[in-house]
Amino acid sequence: MKRTALLLGASGLVGSELLQILLVSEVYQKITVLVRRKLHVNHPKLVQIEIDFDRMQEYGAHFEVDDVFSCLGTTIKKAKTQENFKKVDYGYTLAAGNLAKQYKAKQFLIVSSINADASASVFYSRVKGETEEELKKLYLPSLHIFRPSLLLGDRQEFRLGEKTAEKMSTALPFLFKGPLRKYKPVHAKDVATSMYEAALTEKSGIYTYESHMLHQSSD
């Protein structure tokens, strides 16, 4: 039997790449996306549900799928405050995890971040780490955590840091060898491909993928 998937964060860098992979996959027969505003994407397998993420519990029935992919995330710049940032990266993600468990999804796959650590002094890393720890406490049948380094891809907005890192990784590849290998910038498509491939394994338990372990199409 072909599988069903629910995707959160489909408009983001990794989420948009993952959506395209899922739509062309012969493994999945239906992909549901929860979005604030409908995407400019049309496909026979795609179901778009516009929701208020603050009321995610009301859309719980959509979590009755085989695999839940969470690519939710924002930035302090966009969120404006640390409180709003945590509401998205921690609050919405945990709400999704709880609904995945409630509606018996088989797998939960999430994009976290390099250096995620609940005890970190850096706010961003600490929130990501706290999110991971709380998800583990849910005892989901299968939890896959992906910790990419700096993400590369075609963003709508210009980010100087990412463009600089991309040029450095190309011009000075030796900087990202040995212990620094995991800090090499990674393409969003490679993260999405890794998530898809991990889902196909259908393994139970908790798995964490550091950035250097992710699919590297350019290597």
Protein backbone atom coordinates (compact mmCIF):
# COMPACT_ATOMS: atom_id res chain seq x y z
CA MET A 1 0.00 0.00 0.00
CA LYS A 2 1.21 3.49 -0.79
CA ARG A 3 1.79 5.86 2.08
CA THR A 4 0.41 9.21 3.20
CA ALA A 5 2.36 12.17 4.53
CA LEU A 6 1.70 15.42 6.34
CA LEU A 7 4.14 18.28 5.82
CA LEU A 8 4.47 21.39 7.98
CA GLY A 9 6.66 24.26 6.81
CA ALA A 10 6.14 23.55 3.12
CA SER A 11 6.84 27.16 2.15
CA GLY A 12 10.30 27.19 3.72
CA LEU A 13 13.67 26.37 2.18
CA VAL A 14 13.79 22.68 3.17
CA GLY A 15 10.03 22.20 3.18
CA SER A 16 9.57 23.38 -0.39
CA GLU A 17 12.30 21.01 -1.59
CA LEU A 18 10.80 18.13 0.37
CA LEU A 19 7.35 18.82 -1.04
CA GLN A 20 8.63 18.41 -4.59
CA ILE A 21 10.33 15.13 -3.67
CA LEU A 22 7.18 13.77 -2.08
CA LEU A 23 4.95 14.80 -4.99
CA VAL A 24 7.00 12.89 -7.55
CA SER A 25 7.58 9.89 -5.28
CA GLU A 26 5.84 6.67 -6.21
CA VAL A 27 5.83 5.71 -2.53
CA TYR A 28 3.32 8.35 -1.43
CA GLN A 29 -0.22 8.58 -2.70
CA LYS A 30 -1.30 11.67 -0.73
CA ILE A 31 0.57 14.64 0.71
CA THR A 32 -1.24 17.07 2.97
CA VAL A 33 0.34 20.40 3.82
CA LEU A 34 -0.73 22.72 6.63
CA VAL A 35 -0.14 26.33 5.57
CA ARG A 36 -1.05 29.87 6.56
CA ARG A 37 -1.67 30.71 2.90
CA LYS A 38 -2.07 28.34 0.00
CA LEU A 39 1.00 27.62 -2.06
CA HIS A 40 1.17 28.21 -5.80
CA VAL A 41 1.50 24.49 -6.34
CA ASN A 42 -1.02 22.18 -7.98
CA HIS A 43 -0.78 18.40 -8.03
CA PRO A 44 -3.31 15.52 -7.92
CA LYS A 45 -1.68 14.15 -4.74
CA LEU A 46 -1.52 17.48 -2.93
CA VAL A 47 -4.07 18.63 -0.34
CA GLN A 48 -3.55 22.12 1.08
CA ILE A 49 -5.17 23.05 4.39
CA GLU A 50 -5.06 26.68 5.50
CA ILE A 51 -4.85 26.80 9.28
CA ASP A 52 -4.23 29.01 12.27
CA PHE A 53 -1.15 27.42 13.82
CA ASP A 54 -2.13 28.79 17.21
CA ARG A 55 -5.14 26.45 17.01
CA MET A 56 -3.40 23.41 15.58
CA GLN A 57 -5.34 21.03 17.83
CA GLU A 58 -8.45 21.72 15.77
CA TYR A 59 -6.76 20.19 12.72
CA GLY A 60 -5.65 17.03 14.47
CA ALA A 61 -7.39 14.64 12.09
CA HIS A 62 -4.90 15.59 9.37
CA PHE A 63 -2.17 13.97 11.45
CA GLU A 64 -3.68 10.55 10.85
CA VAL A 65 -1.01 9.68 8.28
CA ASP A 66 1.99 7.41 7.96
CA ASP A 67 4.67 10.09 8.14
CA VAL A 68 4.73 13.61 9.58
CA PHE A 69 7.50 15.88 8.29
CA SER A 70 8.09 19.05 10.30
CA CYS A 71 10.14 21.76 8.61
CA LEU A 72 8.74 24.52 10.77
CA GLY A 73 11.06 27.31 11.76
CA THR A 74 11.57 31.03 11.75
CA THR A 75 14.30 33.55 12.63
CA ILE A 76 14.59 36.16 15.34
CA LYS A 77 14.54 38.79 12.60
CA LYS A 78 11.21 37.58 11.29
CA ALA A 79 9.72 36.73 14.68
CA LYS A 80 10.77 40.11 16.14
CA THR A 81 11.03 38.72 19.67
CA GLN A 82 12.47 35.65 21.37
CA GLU A 83 8.99 34.83 22.64
CA ASN A 84 7.53 34.71 19.14
CA PHE A 85 10.51 32.72 17.89
CA LYS A 86 10.02 30.09 20.59
CA LYS A 87 6.30 29.92 19.90
CA VAL A 88 7.04 28.73 16.37
CA ASP A 89 10.17 26.61 16.71
CA TYR A 90 9.26 25.07 20.04
CA GLY A 91 5.51 25.52 20.56
CA TYR A 92 4.22 24.64 17.10
CA THR A 93 6.67 21.77 16.71
CA LEU A 94 5.71 20.24 20.05
CA ALA A 95 2.03 20.63 19.22
CA ALA A 96 2.66 18.76 15.97
CA GLY A 97 4.54 16.03 17.80
CA ASN A 98 1.72 15.55 20.28
CA LEU A 99 -0.86 15.34 17.50
CA ALA A 100 1.30 12.86 15.60
CA LYS A 101 1.31 10.65 18.68
CA GLN A 102 -2.41 11.14 19.36
CA TYR A 103 -3.37 10.17 15.83
CA LYS A 104 -0.83 7.36 15.66
CA ALA A 105 1.43 8.56 12.88
CA LYS A 106 4.14 5.99 12.27
CA GLN A 107 7.04 8.41 11.89
CA PHE A 108 7.91 11.98 12.87
CA LEU A 109 10.78 13.67 11.06
CA ILE A 110 11.98 17.13 12.04
CA VAL A 111 14.50 19.72 10.92
CA SER A 112 16.44 20.95 13.95
CA SER A 113 19.83 22.67 13.81
CA ILE A 114 23.52 22.08 14.27
CA ASN A 115 24.63 22.56 17.89
CA ALA A 116 21.09 22.08 19.23
CA ASP A 117 21.54 21.77 22.99
CA ALA A 118 19.00 22.36 25.75
CA SER A 119 21.77 23.70 28.00
CA ALA A 120 23.33 26.01 25.41
CA SER A 121 23.94 29.65 26.27
CA VAL A 122 22.93 30.69 22.75
CA PHE A 123 19.15 31.20 22.67
CA TYR A 124 18.64 29.71 19.20
CA SER A 125 20.59 26.52 19.96
CA ARG A 126 18.92 26.19 23.36
CA VAL A 127 15.39 26.36 21.90
CA LYS A 128 16.27 23.78 19.27
CA GLY A 129 17.75 21.54 21.94
CA GLU A 130 14.73 21.92 24.22
CA THR A 131 12.48 21.02 21.33
CA GLU A 132 14.44 17.86 20.62
CA GLU A 133 14.37 16.82 24.27
CA GLU A 134 10.61 17.32 24.59
CA LEU A 135 9.96 15.37 21.41
CA LYS A 136 12.00 12.46 22.76
CA LYS A 137 9.81 12.43 25.87
CA LEU A 138 6.75 11.76 23.71
CA TYR A 139 8.06 8.26 22.91
CA LEU A 140 6.95 8.45 19.32
CA PRO A 141 7.23 5.16 17.40
CA SER A 142 9.89 6.66 15.14
CA LEU A 143 11.62 10.02 15.59
CA HIS A 144 14.19 11.31 13.11
CA ILE A 145 16.04 14.54 13.96
CA PHE A 146 18.07 16.36 11.30
CA ARG A 147 20.69 18.92 12.38
CA PRO A 148 21.85 20.83 9.30
CA SER A 149 24.55 23.46 9.37
CA LEU A 150 24.02 26.71 7.48
CA LEU A 151 21.36 26.09 4.83
CA LEU A 152 21.97 26.98 1.21
CA GLY A 153 19.30 27.43 -1.43
CA ASP A 154 17.18 29.92 -3.30
CA ARG A 155 15.62 32.01 -0.57
CA GLN A 156 13.20 34.83 -1.32
CA GLU A 157 15.24 37.17 0.86
CA PHE A 158 18.95 37.90 0.64
CA ARG A 159 21.09 36.71 3.55
CA LEU A 160 24.66 37.98 3.50
CA GLY A 161 25.95 35.37 5.95
CA GLU A 162 24.71 32.48 3.86
CA LYS A 163 26.07 33.89 0.62
CA THR A 164 29.46 34.47 2.25
CA ALA A 165 29.54 30.94 3.67
CA GLU A 166 28.58 29.45 0.33
CA LYS A 167 31.45 31.24 -1.40
CA MET A 168 33.88 30.19 1.33
CA SER A 169 32.88 26.53 1.15
CA THR A 170 33.48 26.59 -2.61
CA ALA A 171 36.69 28.62 -2.66
CA LEU A 172 38.20 27.23 0.56
CA PRO A 173 36.90 23.66 0.93
CA PHE A 174 39.82 22.71 3.20
CA LEU A 175 38.25 24.84 5.97
CA PHE A 176 35.54 22.23 6.43
CA LYS A 177 37.67 19.13 6.92
CA GLY A 178 38.19 16.97 9.98
CA PRO A 179 36.49 18.28 13.16
CA LEU A 180 35.01 21.21 11.22
CA ARG A 181 33.39 18.98 8.62
CA LYS A 182 29.97 19.19 10.22
CA TYR A 183 29.99 22.98 9.87
CA LYS A 184 30.14 22.88 6.10
CA PRO A 185 27.06 24.64 4.66
CA VAL A 186 24.50 22.16 3.32
CA HIS A 187 21.99 22.58 0.52
CA ALA A 188 18.33 22.49 1.51
CA LYS A 189 17.69 19.91 -1.19
CA ASP A 190 20.21 17.59 0.42
CA VAL A 191 18.48 17.90 3.78
CA ALA A 192 15.11 17.22 2.14
CA THR A 193 16.52 14.19 0.33
CA SER A 194 17.93 12.84 3.60
CA MET A 195 14.55 13.21 5.28
CA TYR A 196 12.84 11.37 2.47
CA GLU A 197 15.38 8.56 2.44
CA ALA A 198 15.18 8.19 6.23
CA ALA A 199 11.40 7.90 6.04
CA LEU A 200 11.68 5.06 3.56
CA THR A 201 13.68 2.98 6.05
CA GLU A 202 10.64 2.80 8.37
CA LYS A 203 12.88 2.25 11.38
CA SER A 204 11.50 2.52 14.90
CA GLY A 205 13.38 4.42 17.60
CA ILE A 206 15.18 7.77 17.79
CA TYR A 207 17.75 8.81 15.20
CA THR A 208 19.82 11.99 14.97
CA TYR A 209 21.58 13.04 11.77
CA GLU A 210 24.37 15.60 12.03
CA SER A 211 25.00 17.92 9.11
CA HIS A 212 27.94 15.97 7.65
CA MET A 213 25.78 12.82 7.59
CA LEU A 214 23.18 14.37 5.31
CA HIS A 215 22.93 13.51 1.64
CA GLN A 216 25.59 15.43 -0.28
CA SER A 217 24.60 15.55 -3.94
CA SER A 218 27.53 17.80 -4.79
CA ASP A 219 30.26 15.73 -3.09
